[in-house]
Amino acid sequence: MPKREKRVIATSLRLAIIAGACRIGRALQLAYLGGPNYTKDVVSIIIWHAVEFCSTMVCIGIPICRPLTETG
């Protein structure tokens, strides 16, 4: 496998690690759901979920778009 392809896949795996860290951050925010203001407490969980979802989608998209960037 050429070095360029290895770098692309390694970058994708690094983003997967970031997505995993976001998943842990979201799980840690679950402890704050017992408060009196449920609407305010759930906002941080939604933000962590959105960041995790976006980083996962980028992580998936990098290897899929790789053939489009190849030059000959």
PDB file of N, CA and C in Angstrom:
ATOM      1  N   MET A   1       0.847  -1.168   0.000  1.00  0.00           N
ATOM      2  CA  MET A   1       0.000   0.000   0.000  1.00  0.00           C
ATOM      3  C   MET A   1       0.902   1.244   0.000  1.00  0.00           C
ATOM      4  N   PRO A   2       0.635   2.199  -0.870  1.00  0.00           N
ATOM      5  CA  PRO A   2       1.454   3.415  -0.912  1.00  0.00           C
ATOM      6  C   PRO A   2       1.342   4.230   0.381  1.00  0.00           C
ATOM      7  N   LYS A   3       2.380   5.010   0.631  1.00  0.00           N
ATOM      8  CA  LYS A   3       2.418   5.806   1.865  1.00  0.00           C
ATOM      9  C   LYS A   3       1.278   6.809   1.930  1.00  0.00           C
ATOM     10  N   ARG A   4       0.880   7.334   0.787  1.00  0.00           N
ATOM     11  CA  ARG A   4      -0.197   8.333   0.787  1.00  0.00           C
ATOM     12  C   ARG A   4      -1.507   7.715   1.283  1.00  0.00           C
ATOM     13  N   GLU A   5      -1.804   6.516   0.839  1.00  0.00           N
ATOM     14  CA  GLU A   5      -3.018   5.832   1.284  1.00  0.00           C
ATOM     15  C   GLU A   5      -2.937   5.505   2.769  1.00  0.00           C
ATOM     16  N   LYS A   6      -1.761   5.133   3.232  1.00  0.00           N
ATOM     17  CA  LYS A   6      -1.592   4.849   4.652  1.00  0.00           C
ATOM     18  C   LYS A   6      -1.853   6.095   5.486  1.00  0.00           C
ATOM     19  N   ARG A   7      -1.377   7.251   5.014  1.00  0.00           N
ATOM     20  CA  ARG A   7      -1.607   8.506   5.748  1.00  0.00           C
ATOM     21  C   ARG A   7      -3.084   8.868   5.790  1.00  0.00           C
ATOM     22  N   VAL A   8      -3.780   8.648   4.687  1.00  0.00           N
ATOM     23  CA  VAL A   8      -5.212   8.968   4.641  1.00  0.00           C
ATOM     24  C   VAL A   8      -5.984   8.090   5.620  1.00  0.00           C
ATOM     25  N   ILE A   9      -5.677   6.823   5.644  1.00  0.00           N
ATOM     26  CA  ILE A   9      -6.367   5.914   6.559  1.00  0.00           C
ATOM     27  C   ILE A   9      -5.994   6.208   8.009  1.00  0.00           C
ATOM     28  N   ALA A  10      -4.742   6.565   8.253  1.00  0.00           N
ATOM     29  CA  ALA A  10      -4.331   6.917   9.609  1.00  0.00           C
ATOM     30  C   ALA A  10      -5.050   8.176  10.090  1.00  0.00           C
ATOM     31  N   THR A  11      -5.244   9.140   9.200  1.00  0.00           N
ATOM     32  CA  THR A  11      -5.985  10.349   9.567  1.00  0.00           C
ATOM     33  C   THR A  11      -7.425  10.007   9.909  1.00  0.00           C
ATOM     34  N   SER A  12      -8.001   9.123   9.150  1.00  0.00           N
ATOM     35  CA  SER A  12      -9.372   8.696   9.426  1.00  0.00           C
ATOM     36  C   SER A  12      -9.464   8.015  10.791  1.00  0.00           C
ATOM     37  N   LEU A  13      -8.501   7.203  11.123  1.00  0.00           N
ATOM     38  CA  LEU A  13      -8.510   6.530  12.422  1.00  0.00           C
ATOM     39  C   LEU A  13      -8.288   7.514  13.567  1.00  0.00           C
ATOM     40  N   ARG A  14      -7.507   8.549  13.333  1.00  0.00           N
ATOM     41  CA  ARG A  14      -7.332   9.574  14.367  1.00  0.00           C
ATOM     42  C   ARG A  14      -8.648  10.291  14.652  1.00  0.00           C
ATOM     43  N   LEU A  15      -9.401  10.564  13.600  1.00  0.00           N
ATOM     44  CA  LEU A  15     -10.706  11.188  13.804  1.00  0.00           C
ATOM     45  C   LEU A  15     -11.661  10.249  14.533  1.00  0.00           C
ATOM     46  N   ALA A  16     -11.499   8.956  14.344  1.00  0.00           N
ATOM     47  CA  ALA A  16     -12.322   7.996  15.080  1.00  0.00           C
ATOM     48  C   ALA A  16     -12.008   8.052  16.569  1.00  0.00           C
ATOM     49  N   ILE A  17     -10.764   8.312  16.910  1.00  0.00           N
ATOM     50  CA  ILE A  17     -10.389   8.469  18.316  1.00  0.00           C
ATOM     51  C   ILE A  17     -11.055   9.708  18.892  1.00  0.00           C
ATOM     52  N   ILE A  18     -11.114  10.780  18.120  1.00  0.00           N
ATOM     53  CA  ILE A  18     -11.795  11.995  18.568  1.00  0.00           C
ATOM     54  C   ILE A  18     -13.278  11.719  18.778  1.00  0.00           C
ATOM     55  N   ALA A  19     -13.885  10.956  17.891  1.00  0.00           N
ATOM     56  CA  ALA A  19     -15.297  10.597  18.048  1.00  0.00           C
ATOM     57  C   ALA A  19     -15.499   9.783  19.321  1.00  0.00           C
ATOM     58  N   GLY A  20     -14.585   8.903  19.622  1.00  0.00           N
ATOM     59  CA  GLY A  20     -14.668   8.131  20.864  1.00  0.00           C
ATOM     60  C   GLY A  20     -14.551   9.009  22.093  1.00  0.00           C
ATOM     61  N   ALA A  21     -13.688  10.008  22.026  1.00  0.00           N
ATOM     62  CA  ALA A  21     -13.551  10.941  23.147  1.00  0.00           C
ATOM     63  C   ALA A  21     -14.831  11.750  23.334  1.00  0.00           C
ATOM     64  N   CYS A  22     -15.469  12.113  22.241  1.00  0.00           N
ATOM     65  CA  CYS A  22     -16.756  12.823  22.339  1.00  0.00           C
ATOM     66  C   CYS A  22     -17.824  11.936  22.952  1.00  0.00           C
ATOM     67  N   ARG A  23     -17.779  10.660  22.652  1.00  0.00           N
ATOM     68  CA  ARG A  23     -18.729   9.714  23.233  1.00  0.00           C
ATOM     69  C   ARG A  23     -18.544   9.648  24.744  1.00  0.00           C
ATOM     70  N   ILE A  24     -17.290   9.666  25.198  1.00  0.00           N
ATOM     71  CA  ILE A  24     -17.017   9.656  26.632  1.00  0.00           C
ATOM     72  C   ILE A  24     -17.505  10.949  27.269  1.00  0.00           C
ATOM     73  N   GLY A  25     -17.277  12.079  26.594  1.00  0.00           N
ATOM     74  CA  GLY A  25     -17.763  13.358  27.111  1.00  0.00           C
ATOM     75  C   GLY A  25     -19.275  13.387  27.239  1.00  0.00           C
ATOM     76  N   ARG A  26     -19.951  12.818  26.279  1.00  0.00           N
ATOM     77  CA  ARG A  26     -21.415  12.757  26.336  1.00  0.00           C
ATOM     78  C   ARG A  26     -21.864  11.882  27.501  1.00  0.00           C
ATOM     79  N   ALA A  27     -21.179  10.766  27.714  1.00  0.00           N
ATOM     80  CA  ALA A  27     -21.549   9.880  28.814  1.00  0.00           C
ATOM     81  C   ALA A  27     -21.332  10.558  30.166  1.00  0.00           C
ATOM     82  N   LEU A  28     -20.296  11.371  30.268  1.00  0.00           N
ATOM     83  CA  LEU A  28     -20.046  12.071  31.528  1.00  0.00           C
ATOM     84  C   LEU A  28     -21.109  13.130  31.814  1.00  0.00           C
ATOM     85  N   GLN A  29     -21.707  13.678  30.782  1.00  0.00           N
ATOM     86  CA  GLN A  29     -22.749  14.696  30.967  1.00  0.00           C
ATOM     87  C   GLN A  29     -24.070  14.100  31.432  1.00  0.00           C
ATOM     88  N   LEU A  30     -24.235  12.800  31.325  1.00  0.00           N
ATOM     89  CA  LEU A  30     -25.481  12.169  31.760  1.00  0.00           C
ATOM     90  C   LEU A  30     -25.712  12.303  33.257  1.00  0.00           C
ATOM     91  N   ALA A  31     -24.647  12.503  34.020  1.00  0.00           N
ATOM     92  CA  ALA A  31     -24.781  12.648  35.468  1.00  0.00           C
ATOM     93  C   ALA A  31     -25.538  13.922  35.850  1.00  0.00           C
ATOM     94  N   TYR A  32     -25.584  14.914  34.964  1.00  0.00           N
ATOM     95  CA  TYR A  32     -26.222  16.197  35.273  1.00  0.00           C
ATOM     96  C   TYR A  32     -27.692  16.251  34.872  1.00  0.00           C
ATOM     97  N   LEU A  33     -28.276  15.146  34.448  1.00  0.00           N
ATOM     98  CA  LEU A  33     -29.666  15.156  33.997  1.00  0.00           C
ATOM     99  C   LEU A  33     -30.683  15.216  35.128  1.00  0.00           C
ATOM    100  N   GLY A  34     -30.274  14.994  36.345  1.00  0.00           N
ATOM    101  CA  GLY A  34     -31.219  14.952  37.456  1.00  0.00           C
ATOM    102  C   GLY A  34     -31.593  16.309  38.005  1.00  0.00           C
ATOM    103  N   GLY A  35     -31.136  17.393  37.402  1.00  0.00           N
ATOM    104  CA  GLY A  35     -31.412  18.734  37.909  1.00  0.00           C
ATOM    105  C   GLY A  35     -32.838  19.174  37.659  1.00  0.00           C
ATOM    106  N   PRO A  36     -33.221  20.292  38.253  1.00  0.00           N
ATOM    107  CA  PRO A  36     -34.598  20.774  38.103  1.00  0.00           C
ATOM    108  C   PRO A  36     -34.905  21.327  36.708  1.00  0.00           C
ATOM    109  N   ASN A  37     -33.891  21.817  36.001  1.00  0.00           N
ATOM    110  CA  ASN A  37     -34.101  22.401  34.681  1.00  0.00           C
ATOM    111  C   ASN A  37     -33.639  21.409  33.616  1.00  0.00           C
ATOM    112  N   TYR A  38     -34.531  20.526  33.210  1.00  0.00           N
ATOM    113  CA  TYR A  38     -34.185  19.459  32.266  1.00  0.00           C
ATOM    114  C   TYR A  38     -33.776  20.022  30.910  1.00  0.00           C
ATOM    115  N   THR A  39     -34.448  21.073  30.460  1.00  0.00           N
ATOM    116  CA  THR A  39     -34.150  21.632  29.141  1.00  0.00           C
ATOM    117  C   THR A  39     -32.720  22.152  29.071  1.00  0.00           C
ATOM    118  N   LYS A  40     -32.282  22.818  30.108  1.00  0.00           N
ATOM    119  CA  LYS A  40     -30.916  23.348  30.129  1.00  0.00           C
ATOM    120  C   LYS A  40     -29.887  22.218  30.263  1.00  0.00           C
ATOM    121  N   ASP A  41     -30.218  21.196  31.017  1.00  0.00           N
ATOM    122  CA  ASP A  41     -29.274  20.103  31.245  1.00  0.00           C
ATOM    123  C   ASP A  41     -29.043  19.260  30.002  1.00  0.00           C
ATOM    124  N   VAL A  42     -30.043  19.135  29.161  1.00  0.00           N
ATOM    125  CA  VAL A  42     -29.932  18.263  27.998  1.00  0.00           C
ATOM    126  C   VAL A  42     -29.171  18.925  26.836  1.00  0.00           C
ATOM    127  N   VAL A  43     -28.974  20.229  26.889  1.00  0.00           N
ATOM    128  CA  VAL A  43     -28.294  20.938  25.797  1.00  0.00           C
ATOM    129  C   VAL A  43     -26.858  20.451  25.621  1.00  0.00           C
ATOM    130  N   SER A  44     -26.131  20.261  26.704  1.00  0.00           N
ATOM    131  CA  SER A  44     -24.738  19.808  26.574  1.00  0.00           C
ATOM    132  C   SER A  44     -24.668  18.402  25.992  1.00  0.00           C
ATOM    133  N   ILE A  45     -25.645  17.565  26.323  1.00  0.00           N
ATOM    134  CA  ILE A  45     -25.660  16.213  25.760  1.00  0.00           C
ATOM    135  C   ILE A  45     -25.921  16.273  24.261  1.00  0.00           C
ATOM    136  N   ILE A  46     -26.805  17.148  23.843  1.00  0.00           N
ATOM    137  CA  ILE A  46     -27.093  17.290  22.416  1.00  0.00           C
ATOM    138  C   ILE A  46     -25.873  17.814  21.669  1.00  0.00           C
ATOM    139  N   ILE A  47     -25.161  18.745  22.260  1.00  0.00           N
ATOM    140  CA  ILE A  47     -23.950  19.284  21.616  1.00  0.00           C
ATOM    141  C   ILE A  47     -22.883  18.196  21.483  1.00  0.00           C
ATOM    142  N   TRP A  48     -22.651  17.432  22.544  1.00  0.00           N
ATOM    143  CA  TRP A  48     -21.668  16.350  22.468  1.00  0.00           C
ATOM    144  C   TRP A  48     -22.066  15.317  21.423  1.00  0.00           C
ATOM    145  N   HIS A  49     -23.359  15.034  21.340  1.00  0.00           N
ATOM    146  CA  HIS A  49     -23.830  14.075  20.346  1.00  0.00           C
ATOM    147  C   HIS A  49     -23.596  14.602  18.928  1.00  0.00           C
ATOM    148  N   ALA A  50     -23.851  15.877  18.713  1.00  0.00           N
ATOM    149  CA  ALA A  50     -23.654  16.462  17.383  1.00  0.00           C
ATOM    150  C   ALA A  50     -22.178  16.438  16.985  1.00  0.00           C
ATOM    151  N   VAL A  51     -21.299  16.744  17.921  1.00  0.00           N
ATOM    152  CA  VAL A  51     -19.860  16.721  17.622  1.00  0.00           C
ATOM    153  C   VAL A  51     -19.405  15.299  17.314  1.00  0.00           C
ATOM    154  N   GLU A  52     -19.896  14.347  18.081  1.00  0.00           N
ATOM    155  CA  GLU A  52     -19.543  12.945  17.824  1.00  0.00           C
ATOM    156  C   GLU A  52     -20.045  12.501  16.458  1.00  0.00           C
ATOM    157  N   PHE A  53     -21.275  12.836  16.143  1.00  0.00           N
ATOM    158  CA  PHE A  53     -21.860  12.436  14.863  1.00  0.00           C
ATOM    159  C   PHE A  53     -21.101  13.055  13.689  1.00  0.00           C
ATOM    160  N   CYS A  54     -20.786  14.337  13.783  1.00  0.00           N
ATOM    161  CA  CYS A  54     -20.066  15.006  12.686  1.00  0.00           C
ATOM    162  C   CYS A  54     -18.662  14.443  12.503  1.00  0.00           C
ATOM    163  N   SER A  55     -17.954  14.226  13.601  1.00  0.00           N
ATOM    164  CA  SER A  55     -16.602  13.669  13.459  1.00  0.00           C
ATOM    165  C   SER A  55     -16.653  12.243  12.914  1.00  0.00           C
ATOM    166  N   THR A  56     -17.674  11.474  13.262  1.00  0.00           N
ATOM    167  CA  THR A  56     -17.825  10.137  12.705  1.00  0.00           C
ATOM    168  C   THR A  56     -18.105  10.191  11.210  1.00  0.00           C
ATOM    169  N   MET A  57     -18.946  11.117  10.785  1.00  0.00           N
ATOM    170  CA  MET A  57     -19.257  11.238   9.360  1.00  0.00           C
ATOM    171  C   MET A  57     -18.030  11.659   8.554  1.00  0.00           C
ATOM    172  N   VAL A  58     -17.220  12.542   9.102  1.00  0.00           N
ATOM    173  CA  VAL A  58     -15.982  12.929   8.414  1.00  0.00           C
ATOM    174  C   VAL A  58     -15.033  11.744   8.362  1.00  0.00           C
ATOM    175  N   CYS A  59     -14.966  11.004   9.463  1.00  0.00           N
ATOM    176  CA  CYS A  59     -14.100   9.826   9.522  1.00  0.00           C
ATOM    177  C   CYS A  59     -14.505   8.789   8.484  1.00  0.00           C
ATOM    178  N   ILE A  60     -15.787   8.616   8.278  1.00  0.00           N
ATOM    179  CA  ILE A  60     -16.267   7.673   7.274  1.00  0.00           C
ATOM    180  C   ILE A  60     -16.040   8.212   5.862  1.00  0.00           C
ATOM    181  N   GLY A  61     -16.192   9.509   5.679  1.00  0.00           N
ATOM    182  CA  GLY A  61     -16.109  10.105   4.355  1.00  0.00           C
ATOM    183  C   GLY A  61     -14.709  10.176   3.776  1.00  0.00           C
ATOM    184  N   ILE A  62     -13.702  10.227   4.618  1.00  0.00           N
ATOM    185  CA  ILE A  62     -12.330  10.353   4.118  1.00  0.00           C
ATOM    186  C   ILE A  62     -11.930   9.157   3.248  1.00  0.00           C
ATOM    187  N   PRO A  63     -12.056   7.924   3.718  1.00  0.00           N
ATOM    188  CA  PRO A  63     -11.663   6.809   2.845  1.00  0.00           C
ATOM    189  C   PRO A  63     -12.563   6.645   1.622  1.00  0.00           C
ATOM    190  N   ILE A  64     -13.835   7.010   1.752  1.00  0.00           N
ATOM    191  CA  ILE A  64     -14.744   6.870   0.624  1.00  0.00           C
ATOM    192  C   ILE A  64     -14.390   7.853  -0.490  1.00  0.00           C
ATOM    193  N   CYS A  65     -13.979   9.055  -0.141  1.00  0.00           N
ATOM    194  CA  CYS A  65     -13.640  10.072  -1.143  1.00  0.00           C
ATOM    195  C   CYS A  65     -12.217   9.954  -1.660  1.00  0.00           C
ATOM    196  N   ARG A  66     -11.464   9.025  -1.120  1.00  0.00           N
ATOM    197  CA  ARG A  66     -10.069   8.870  -1.533  1.00  0.00           C
ATOM    198  C   ARG A  66      -9.898   8.614  -3.022  1.00  0.00           C
ATOM    199  N   PRO A  67     -10.713   7.769  -3.669  1.00  0.00           N
ATOM    200  CA  PRO A  67     -10.524   7.547  -5.113  1.00  0.00           C
ATOM    201  C   PRO A  67     -10.748   8.823  -5.939  1.00  0.00           C
ATOM    202  N   LEU A  68     -11.509   9.766  -5.424  1.00  0.00           N
ATOM    203  CA  LEU A  68     -11.749  11.004  -6.181  1.00  0.00           C
ATOM    204  C   LEU A  68     -10.505  11.895  -6.210  1.00  0.00           C
ATOM    205  N   THR A  69      -9.608  11.734  -5.236  1.00  0.00           N
ATOM    206  CA  THR A  69      -8.430  12.582  -5.172  1.00  0.00           C
ATOM    207  C   THR A  69      -7.209  11.981  -5.839  1.00  0.00           C
ATOM    208  N   GLU A  70      -7.302  10.729  -6.254  1.00  0.00           N
ATOM    209  CA  GLU A  70      -6.151  10.073  -6.872  1.00  0.00           C
ATOM    210  C   GLU A  70      -5.909  10.661  -8.255  1.00  0.00           C
ATOM    211  N   THR A  71      -4.636  10.885  -8.557  1.00  0.00           N
ATOM    212  CA  THR A  71      -4.269  11.457  -9.863  1.00  0.00           C
ATOM    213  C   THR A  71      -3.460  10.412 -10.640  1.00  0.00           C
ATOM    214  N   GLY A  72      -4.163   9.631 -11.400  1.00  0.00           N
ATOM    215  CA  GLY A  72      -3.530   8.681 -12.298  1.00  0.00           C
ATOM    216  C   GLY A  72      -2.898   7.571 -11.630  1.00  0.00           C
TER     217      GLY A  72
END
